[in-house]
Amino acid sequence: LLAGSDQVLIFLDDTSLLSRHAESMTLATLGRFSAS
């Protein structure tokens, strides 16, 4: 939380959100590829 502090912030990244973001990027790339 602060430099030298004993309190810790834990961030939990949901992998399903990351997967959907990766899917959207993949679909955008696939759209360009499919058009070609």
All heavy atoms as atom14 arrays in JSON, in Angstrom:
{
  "sequence": "LLAGSDQVLIFLDDTSLLSRHAESMTLATLGRFSAS",
  "atom14_mask": [
    [1, 1, 1, 1, 1, 1, 1, 1, 0, 0, 0, 0, 0, 0],
    [1, 1, 1, 1, 1, 1, 1, 1, 0, 0, 0, 0, 0, 0],
    [1, 1, 1, 1, 1, 0, 0, 0, 0, 0, 0, 0, 0, 0],
    [1, 1, 1, 1, 0, 0, 0, 0, 0, 0, 0, 0, 0, 0],
    [1, 1, 1, 1, 1, 1, 0, 0, 0, 0, 0, 0, 0, 0],
    [1, 1, 1, 1, 1, 1, 1, 1, 0, 0, 0, 0, 0, 0],
    [1, 1, 1, 1, 1, 1, 1, 1, 1, 0, 0, 0, 0, 0],
    [1, 1, 1, 1, 1, 1, 1, 0, 0, 0, 0, 0, 0, 0],
    [1, 1, 1, 1, 1, 1, 1, 1, 0, 0, 0, 0, 0, 0],
    [1, 1, 1, 1, 1, 1, 1, 1, 0, 0, 0, 0, 0, 0],
    [1, 1, 1, 1, 1, 1, 1, 1, 1, 1, 1, 0, 0, 0],
    [1, 1, 1, 1, 1, 1, 1, 1, 0, 0, 0, 0, 0, 0],
    [1, 1, 1, 1, 1, 1, 1, 1, 0, 0, 0, 0, 0, 0],
    [1, 1, 1, 1, 1, 1, 1, 1, 0, 0, 0, 0, 0, 0],
    [1, 1, 1, 1, 1, 1, 1, 0, 0, 0, 0, 0, 0, 0],
    [1, 1, 1, 1, 1, 1, 0, 0, 0, 0, 0, 0, 0, 0],
    [1, 1, 1, 1, 1, 1, 1, 1, 0, 0, 0, 0, 0, 0],
    [1, 1, 1, 1, 1, 1, 1, 1, 0, 0, 0, 0, 0, 0],
    [1, 1, 1, 1, 1, 1, 0, 0, 0, 0, 0, 0, 0, 0],
    [1, 1, 1, 1, 1, 1, 1, 1, 1, 1, 1, 0, 0, 0],
    [1, 1, 1, 1, 1, 1, 1, 1, 1, 1, 0, 0, 0, 0],
    [1, 1, 1, 1, 1, 0, 0, 0, 0, 0, 0, 0, 0, 0],
    [1, 1, 1, 1, 1, 1, 1, 1, 1, 0, 0, 0, 0, 0],
    [1, 1, 1, 1, 1, 1, 0, 0, 0, 0, 0, 0, 0, 0],
    [1, 1, 1, 1, 1, 1, 1, 1, 0, 0, 0, 0, 0, 0],
    [1, 1, 1, 1, 1, 1, 1, 0, 0, 0, 0, 0, 0, 0],
    [1, 1, 1, 1, 1, 1, 1, 1, 0, 0, 0, 0, 0, 0],
    [1, 1, 1, 1, 1, 0, 0, 0, 0, 0, 0, 0, 0, 0],
    [1, 1, 1, 1, 1, 1, 1, 0, 0, 0, 0, 0, 0, 0],
    [1, 1, 1, 1, 1, 1, 1, 1, 0, 0, 0, 0, 0, 0],
    [1, 1, 1, 1, 0, 0, 0, 0, 0, 0, 0, 0, 0, 0],
    [1, 1, 1, 1, 1, 1, 1, 1, 1, 1, 1, 0, 0, 0],
    [1, 1, 1, 1, 1, 1, 1, 1, 1, 1, 1, 0, 0, 0],
    [1, 1, 1, 1, 1, 1, 0, 0, 0, 0, 0, 0, 0, 0],
    [1, 1, 1, 1, 1, 0, 0, 0, 0, 0, 0, 0, 0, 0],
    [1, 1, 1, 1, 1, 1, 0, 0, 0, 0, 0, 0, 0, 0]
  ],
  "atom14_positions": [
    [[0.83, -1.2, 0.0], [0.0, 0.0, 0.0], [0.86, 1.25, 0.0], [0.61, 2.2, -0.74], [-0.94, -0.02, 1.21], [-1.93, 1.15, 1.33], [-2.87, 1.17, 0.14], [-2.72, 1.05, 2.62], [0.0, 0.0, 0.0], [0.0, 0.0, 0.0], [0.0, 0.0, 0.0], [0.0, 0.0, 0.0], [0.0, 0.0, 0.0], [0.0, 0.0, 0.0]],
    [[1.89, 1.26, 0.84], [2.88, 2.34, 0.88], [4.25, 1.71, 1.0], [4.4, 0.55, 1.39], [2.62, 3.28, 2.07], [1.29, 4.06, 2.08], [1.12, 4.79, 3.4], [1.24, 5.05, 0.91], [0.0, 0.0, 0.0], [0.0, 0.0, 0.0], [0.0, 0.0, 0.0], [0.0, 0.0, 0.0], [0.0, 0.0, 0.0], [0.0, 0.0, 0.0]],
    [[5.26, 2.49, 0.64], [6.63, 1.98, 0.75], [6.93, 1.65, 2.21], [6.79, 2.5, 3.09], [7.62, 3.01, 0.21], [0.0, 0.0, 0.0], [0.0, 0.0, 0.0], [0.0, 0.0, 0.0], [0.0, 0.0, 0.0], [0.0, 0.0, 0.0], [0.0, 0.0, 0.0], [0.0, 0.0, 0.0], [0.0, 0.0, 0.0], [0.0, 0.0, 0.0]],
    [[7.36, 0.44, 2.45], [7.68, 0.01, 3.81], [6.47, -0.37, 4.64], [6.62, -0.69, 5.83], [0.0, 0.0, 0.0], [0.0, 0.0, 0.0], [0.0, 0.0, 0.0], [0.0, 0.0, 0.0], [0.0, 0.0, 0.0], [0.0, 0.0, 0.0], [0.0, 0.0, 0.0], [0.0, 0.0, 0.0], [0.0, 0.0, 0.0], [0.0, 0.0, 0.0]],
    [[5.27, -0.35, 4.05], [4.06, -0.67, 4.8], [3.87, -2.19, 4.85], [4.27, -2.92, 3.95], [2.84, -0.01, 4.16], [1.65, -0.44, 4.78], [0.0, 0.0, 0.0], [0.0, 0.0, 0.0], [0.0, 0.0, 0.0], [0.0, 0.0, 0.0], [0.0, 0.0, 0.0], [0.0, 0.0, 0.0], [0.0, 0.0, 0.0], [0.0, 0.0, 0.0]],
    [[3.23, -2.64, 5.93], [2.91, -4.07, 6.06], [1.59, -4.42, 5.39], [1.26, -5.6, 5.26], [2.85, -4.45, 7.55], [4.22, -4.41, 8.2], [5.21, -4.67, 7.5], [4.3, -4.09, 9.4], [0.0, 0.0, 0.0], [0.0, 0.0, 0.0], [0.0, 0.0, 0.0], [0.0, 0.0, 0.0], [0.0, 0.0, 0.0], [0.0, 0.0, 0.0]],
    [[0.84, -3.41, 4.99], [-0.43, -3.66, 4.32], [-0.19, -3.87, 2.83], [0.6, -3.15, 2.2], [-1.39, -2.5, 4.54], [-1.85, -2.36, 5.99], [-2.87, -1.25, 6.15], [-2.81, -0.23, 5.49], [-3.83, -1.47, 7.04], [0.0, 0.0, 0.0], [0.0, 0.0, 0.0], [0.0, 0.0, 0.0], [0.0, 0.0, 0.0], [0.0, 0.0, 0.0]],
    [[-0.88, -4.86, 2.27], [-0.65, -5.28, 0.89], [-1.96, -5.2, 0.12], [-3.01, -5.61, 0.62], [-0.08, -6.71, 0.83], [0.1, -7.16, -0.62], [1.23, -6.8, 1.58], [0.0, 0.0, 0.0], [0.0, 0.0, 0.0], [0.0, 0.0, 0.0], [0.0, 0.0, 0.0], [0.0, 0.0, 0.0], [0.0, 0.0, 0.0], [0.0, 0.0, 0.0]],
    [[-1.87, -4.64, -1.08], [-2.99, -4.65, -2.0], [-2.86, -5.86, -2.92], [-1.8, -6.09, -3.5], [-3.02, -3.38, -2.84], [-3.6, -2.13, -2.18], [-3.4, -0.92, -3.07], [-5.08, -2.31, -1.88], [0.0, 0.0, 0.0], [0.0, 0.0, 0.0], [0.0, 0.0, 0.0], [0.0, 0.0, 0.0], [0.0, 0.0, 0.0], [0.0, 0.0, 0.0]],
    [[-3.93, -6.63, -3.03], [-3.96, -7.8, -3.91], [-4.95, -7.52, -5.02], [-6.13, -7.25, -4.76], [-4.36, -9.07, -3.14], [-3.43, -9.29, -1.94], [-4.34, -10.28, -4.07], [-3.81, -10.49, -1.09], [0.0, 0.0, 0.0], [0.0, 0.0, 0.0], [0.0, 0.0, 0.0], [0.0, 0.0, 0.0], [0.0, 0.0, 0.0], [0.0, 0.0, 0.0]],
    [[-4.48, -7.57, -6.26], [-5.34, -7.39, -7.43], [-5.61, -8.77, -8.04], [-4.67, -9.52, -8.32], [-4.68, -6.48, -8.46], [-4.44, -5.09, -7.96], [-3.21, -4.74, -7.4], [-5.42, -4.13, -8.03], [-2.98, -3.47, -6.93], [-5.21, -2.84, -7.56], [-3.97, -2.51, -7.01], [0.0, 0.0, 0.0], [0.0, 0.0, 0.0], [0.0, 0.0, 0.0]],
    [[-6.89, -9.08, -8.23], [-7.31, -10.37, -8.78], [-7.84, -10.13, -10.18], [-8.94, -9.58, -10.35], [-8.38, -11.0, -7.89], [-7.99, -11.2, -6.41], [-9.17, -11.75, -5.62], [-6.79, -12.13, -6.29], [0.0, 0.0, 0.0], [0.0, 0.0, 0.0], [0.0, 0.0, 0.0], [0.0, 0.0, 0.0], [0.0, 0.0, 0.0], [0.0, 0.0, 0.0]],
    [[-7.08, -10.52, -11.19], [-7.48, -10.36, -12.58], [-8.25, -11.58, -13.04], [-7.74, -12.71, -13.02], [-6.25, -10.16, -13.48], [-5.5, -8.87, -13.14], [-6.19, -7.89, -12.83], [-4.26, -8.87, -13.19], [0.0, 0.0, 0.0], [0.0, 0.0, 0.0], [0.0, 0.0, 0.0], [0.0, 0.0, 0.0], [0.0, 0.0, 0.0], [0.0, 0.0, 0.0]],
    [[-9.49, -11.36, -13.42], [-10.36, -12.44, -13.89], [-9.87, -12.89, -15.27], [-9.84, -12.11, -16.23], [-11.8, -11.93, -13.97], [-12.79, -13.06, -14.25], [-12.34, -14.17, -14.59], [-14.0, -12.82, -14.13], [0.0, 0.0, 0.0], [0.0, 0.0, 0.0], [0.0, 0.0, 0.0], [0.0, 0.0, 0.0], [0.0, 0.0, 0.0], [0.0, 0.0, 0.0]],
    [[-9.49, -14.16, -15.36], [-8.97, -14.66, -16.64], [-10.05, -14.71, -17.72], [-9.74, -14.64, -18.9], [-8.38, -16.07, -16.46], [-9.38, -16.93, -15.89], [-7.18, -16.02, -15.54], [0.0, 0.0, 0.0], [0.0, 0.0, 0.0], [0.0, 0.0, 0.0], [0.0, 0.0, 0.0], [0.0, 0.0, 0.0], [0.0, 0.0, 0.0], [0.0, 0.0, 0.0]],
    [[-11.33, -14.82, -17.31], [-12.38, -14.84, -18.32], [-12.48, -13.49, -19.04], [-12.73, -13.43, -20.24], [-13.73, -15.19, -17.68], [-14.09, -14.23, -16.7], [0.0, 0.0, 0.0], [0.0, 0.0, 0.0], [0.0, 0.0, 0.0], [0.0, 0.0, 0.0], [0.0, 0.0, 0.0], [0.0, 0.0, 0.0], [0.0, 0.0, 0.0], [0.0, 0.0, 0.0]],
    [[-12.26, -12.39, -18.28], [-12.25, -11.08, -18.92], [-11.08, -10.94, -19.87], [-11.2, -10.4, -20.97], [-12.21, -9.98, -17.85], [-13.39, -9.91, -16.88], [-13.17, -8.8, -15.86], [-14.68, -9.68, -17.63], [0.0, 0.0, 0.0], [0.0, 0.0, 0.0], [0.0, 0.0, 0.0], [0.0, 0.0, 0.0], [0.0, 0.0, 0.0], [0.0, 0.0, 0.0]],
    [[-9.92, -11.45, -19.42], [-8.75, -11.4, -20.29], [-8.98, -12.25, -21.54], [-8.57, -11.87, -22.64], [-7.52, -11.89, -19.53], [-7.12, -11.08, -18.29], [-5.93, -11.73, -17.59], [-6.8, -9.64, -18.67], [0.0, 0.0, 0.0], [0.0, 0.0, 0.0], [0.0, 0.0, 0.0], [0.0, 0.0, 0.0], [0.0, 0.0, 0.0], [0.0, 0.0, 0.0]],
    [[-9.65, -13.39, -21.36], [-9.91, -14.26, -22.51], [-10.85, -13.58, -23.5], [-10.64, -13.64, -24.72], [-10.52, -15.58, -22.04], [-9.62, -16.26, -21.19], [0.0, 0.0, 0.0], [0.0, 0.0, 0.0], [0.0, 0.0, 0.0], [0.0, 0.0, 0.0], [0.0, 0.0, 0.0], [0.0, 0.0, 0.0], [0.0, 0.0, 0.0], [0.0, 0.0, 0.0]],
    [[-11.89, -12.9, -22.97], [-12.8, -12.21, -23.87], [-12.1, -11.07, -24.6], [-12.38, -10.81, -25.78], [-14.01, -11.7, -23.09], [-15.01, -12.78, -22.74], [-16.34, -12.19, -22.33], [-16.28, -11.54, -21.05], [-16.5, -12.16, -19.89], [-16.8, -13.44, -19.88], [-16.45, -11.5, -18.76], [0.0, 0.0, 0.0], [0.0, 0.0, 0.0], [0.0, 0.0, 0.0]],
    [[-11.2, -10.38, -23.89], [-10.45, -9.32, -24.56], [-9.57, -9.9, -25.66], [-9.48, -9.33, -26.76], [-9.6, -8.57, -23.53], [-8.8, -7.45, -24.11], [-9.37, -6.33, -24.68], [-7.46, -7.3, -24.23], [-8.42, -5.53, -25.11], [-7.25, -6.08, -24.86], [0.0, 0.0, 0.0], [0.0, 0.0, 0.0], [0.0, 0.0, 0.0], [0.0, 0.0, 0.0]],
    [[-8.93, -11.04, -25.37], [-8.09, -11.68, -26.39], [-8.95, -12.16, -27.56], [-8.54, -12.06, -28.72], [-7.32, -12.84, -25.77], [0.0, 0.0, 0.0], [0.0, 0.0, 0.0], [0.0, 0.0, 0.0], [0.0, 0.0, 0.0], [0.0, 0.0, 0.0], [0.0, 0.0, 0.0], [0.0, 0.0, 0.0], [0.0, 0.0, 0.0], [0.0, 0.0, 0.0]],
    [[-10.16, -12.66, -27.23], [-11.05, -13.11, -28.3], [-11.46, -11.96, -29.2], [-11.53, -12.09, -30.43], [-12.28, -13.78, -27.7], [-12.01, -15.16, -27.11], [-13.23, -15.72, -26.42], [-14.28, -15.02, -26.44], [-13.17, -16.82, -25.87], [0.0, 0.0, 0.0], [0.0, 0.0, 0.0], [0.0, 0.0, 0.0], [0.0, 0.0, 0.0], [0.0, 0.0, 0.0]],
    [[-11.75, -10.81, -28.58], [-12.15, -9.66, -29.4], [-11.02, -9.23, -30.32], [-11.25, -8.89, -31.49], [-12.57, -8.5, -28.5], [-11.49, -8.05, -27.71], [0.0, 0.0, 0.0], [0.0, 0.0, 0.0], [0.0, 0.0, 0.0], [0.0, 0.0, 0.0], [0.0, 0.0, 0.0], [0.0, 0.0, 0.0], [0.0, 0.0, 0.0], [0.0, 0.0, 0.0]],
    [[-9.78, -9.26, -29.8], [-8.64, -8.92, -30.65], [-8.47, -9.96, -31.75], [-8.18, -9.62, -32.91], [-7.38, -8.82, -29.8], [-7.4, -7.69, -28.78], [-5.89, -7.63, -27.77], [-4.67, -7.32, -29.03], [0.0, 0.0, 0.0], [0.0, 0.0, 0.0], [0.0, 0.0, 0.0], [0.0, 0.0, 0.0], [0.0, 0.0, 0.0], [0.0, 0.0, 0.0]],
    [[-8.66, -11.23, -31.38], [-8.52, -12.29, -32.39], [-9.59, -12.17, -33.46], [-9.33, -12.36, -34.65], [-8.6, -13.66, -31.7], [-7.61, -13.74, -30.68], [-8.38, -14.79, -32.7], [0.0, 0.0, 0.0], [0.0, 0.0, 0.0], [0.0, 0.0, 0.0], [0.0, 0.0, 0.0], [0.0, 0.0, 0.0], [0.0, 0.0, 0.0], [0.0, 0.0, 0.0]],
    [[-10.83, -11.85, -33.02], [-11.91, -11.71, -33.99], [-11.67, -10.53, -34.93], [-12.01, -10.58, -36.11], [-13.24, -11.54, -33.26], [-13.78, -12.79, -32.58], [-15.03, -12.45, -31.79], [-14.07, -13.87, -33.6], [0.0, 0.0, 0.0], [0.0, 0.0, 0.0], [0.0, 0.0, 0.0], [0.0, 0.0, 0.0], [0.0, 0.0, 0.0], [0.0, 0.0, 0.0]],
    [[-11.12, -9.45, -34.38], [-10.8, -8.31, -35.25], [-9.76, -8.7, -36.29], [-9.89, -8.37, -37.48], [-10.3, -7.15, -34.4], [0.0, 0.0, 0.0], [0.0, 0.0, 0.0], [0.0, 0.0, 0.0], [0.0, 0.0, 0.0], [0.0, 0.0, 0.0], [0.0, 0.0, 0.0], [0.0, 0.0, 0.0], [0.0, 0.0, 0.0], [0.0, 0.0, 0.0]],
    [[-8.75, -9.45, -35.82], [-7.74, -9.93, -36.78], [-8.34, -10.92, -37.76], [-8.04, -10.89, -38.97], [-6.58, -10.59, -36.02], [-6.07, -9.67, -35.06], [-5.46, -11.0, -36.96], [0.0, 0.0, 0.0], [0.0, 0.0, 0.0], [0.0, 0.0, 0.0], [0.0, 0.0, 0.0], [0.0, 0.0, 0.0], [0.0, 0.0, 0.0], [0.0, 0.0, 0.0]],
    [[-9.23, -11.79, -37.24], [-9.87, -12.78, -38.12], [-10.75, -12.1, -39.16], [-10.85, -12.55, -40.3], [-10.7, -13.74, -37.28], [-11.43, -14.85, -38.05], [-10.43, -15.76, -38.73], [-12.33, -15.64, -37.11], [0.0, 0.0, 0.0], [0.0, 0.0, 0.0], [0.0, 0.0, 0.0], [0.0, 0.0, 0.0], [0.0, 0.0, 0.0], [0.0, 0.0, 0.0]],
    [[-11.4, -11.0, -38.77], [-12.23, -10.29, -39.73], [-11.4, -9.77, -40.89], [-11.81, -9.9, -42.07], [0.0, 0.0, 0.0], [0.0, 0.0, 0.0], [0.0, 0.0, 0.0], [0.0, 0.0, 0.0], [0.0, 0.0, 0.0], [0.0, 0.0, 0.0], [0.0, 0.0, 0.0], [0.0, 0.0, 0.0], [0.0, 0.0, 0.0], [0.0, 0.0, 0.0]],
    [[-10.24, -9.19, -40.59], [-9.38, -8.72, -41.68], [-8.85, -9.88, -42.5], [-8.77, -9.81, -43.74], [-8.23, -7.91, -41.09], [-8.67, -6.6, -40.42], [-7.48, -5.73, -40.09], [-6.64, -6.34, -39.06], [-6.8, -6.12, -37.76], [-7.77, -5.33, -37.33], [-5.99, -6.69, -36.88], [0.0, 0.0, 0.0], [0.0, 0.0, 0.0], [0.0, 0.0, 0.0]],
    [[-8.5, -10.98, -41.8], [-7.98, -12.14, -42.53], [-9.05, -12.78, -43.41], [-8.79, -13.16, -44.56], [-7.43, -13.16, -41.53], [-7.06, -14.48, -42.15], [-5.92, -14.6, -42.93], [-7.88, -15.59, -41.97], [-5.59, -15.81, -43.5], [-7.55, -16.8, -42.54], [-6.4, -16.92, -43.31], [0.0, 0.0, 0.0], [0.0, 0.0, 0.0], [0.0, 0.0, 0.0]],
    [[-10.28, -12.91, -42.84], [-11.35, -13.55, -43.61], [-11.7, -12.72, -44.84], [-12.02, -13.27, -45.9], [-12.58, -13.74, -42.72], [-13.06, -12.49, -42.26], [0.0, 0.0, 0.0], [0.0, 0.0, 0.0], [0.0, 0.0, 0.0], [0.0, 0.0, 0.0], [0.0, 0.0, 0.0], [0.0, 0.0, 0.0], [0.0, 0.0, 0.0], [0.0, 0.0, 0.0]],
    [[-11.67, -11.39, -44.69], [-11.95, -10.55, -45.86], [-10.91, -10.77, -46.95], [-11.24, -10.88, -48.13], [-11.98, -9.08, -45.44], [0.0, 0.0, 0.0], [0.0, 0.0, 0.0], [0.0, 0.0, 0.0], [0.0, 0.0, 0.0], [0.0, 0.0, 0.0], [0.0, 0.0, 0.0], [0.0, 0.0, 0.0], [0.0, 0.0, 0.0], [0.0, 0.0, 0.0]],
    [[-9.65, -10.86, -46.53], [-8.59, -11.11, -47.52], [-8.72, -12.49, -48.13], [-8.59, -12.66, -49.35], [-7.22, -10.94, -46.85], [-6.18, -11.26, -47.75], [0.0, 0.0, 0.0], [0.0, 0.0, 0.0], [0.0, 0.0, 0.0], [0.0, 0.0, 0.0], [0.0, 0.0, 0.0], [0.0, 0.0, 0.0], [0.0, 0.0, 0.0], [0.0, 0.0, 0.0]]
  ]
}
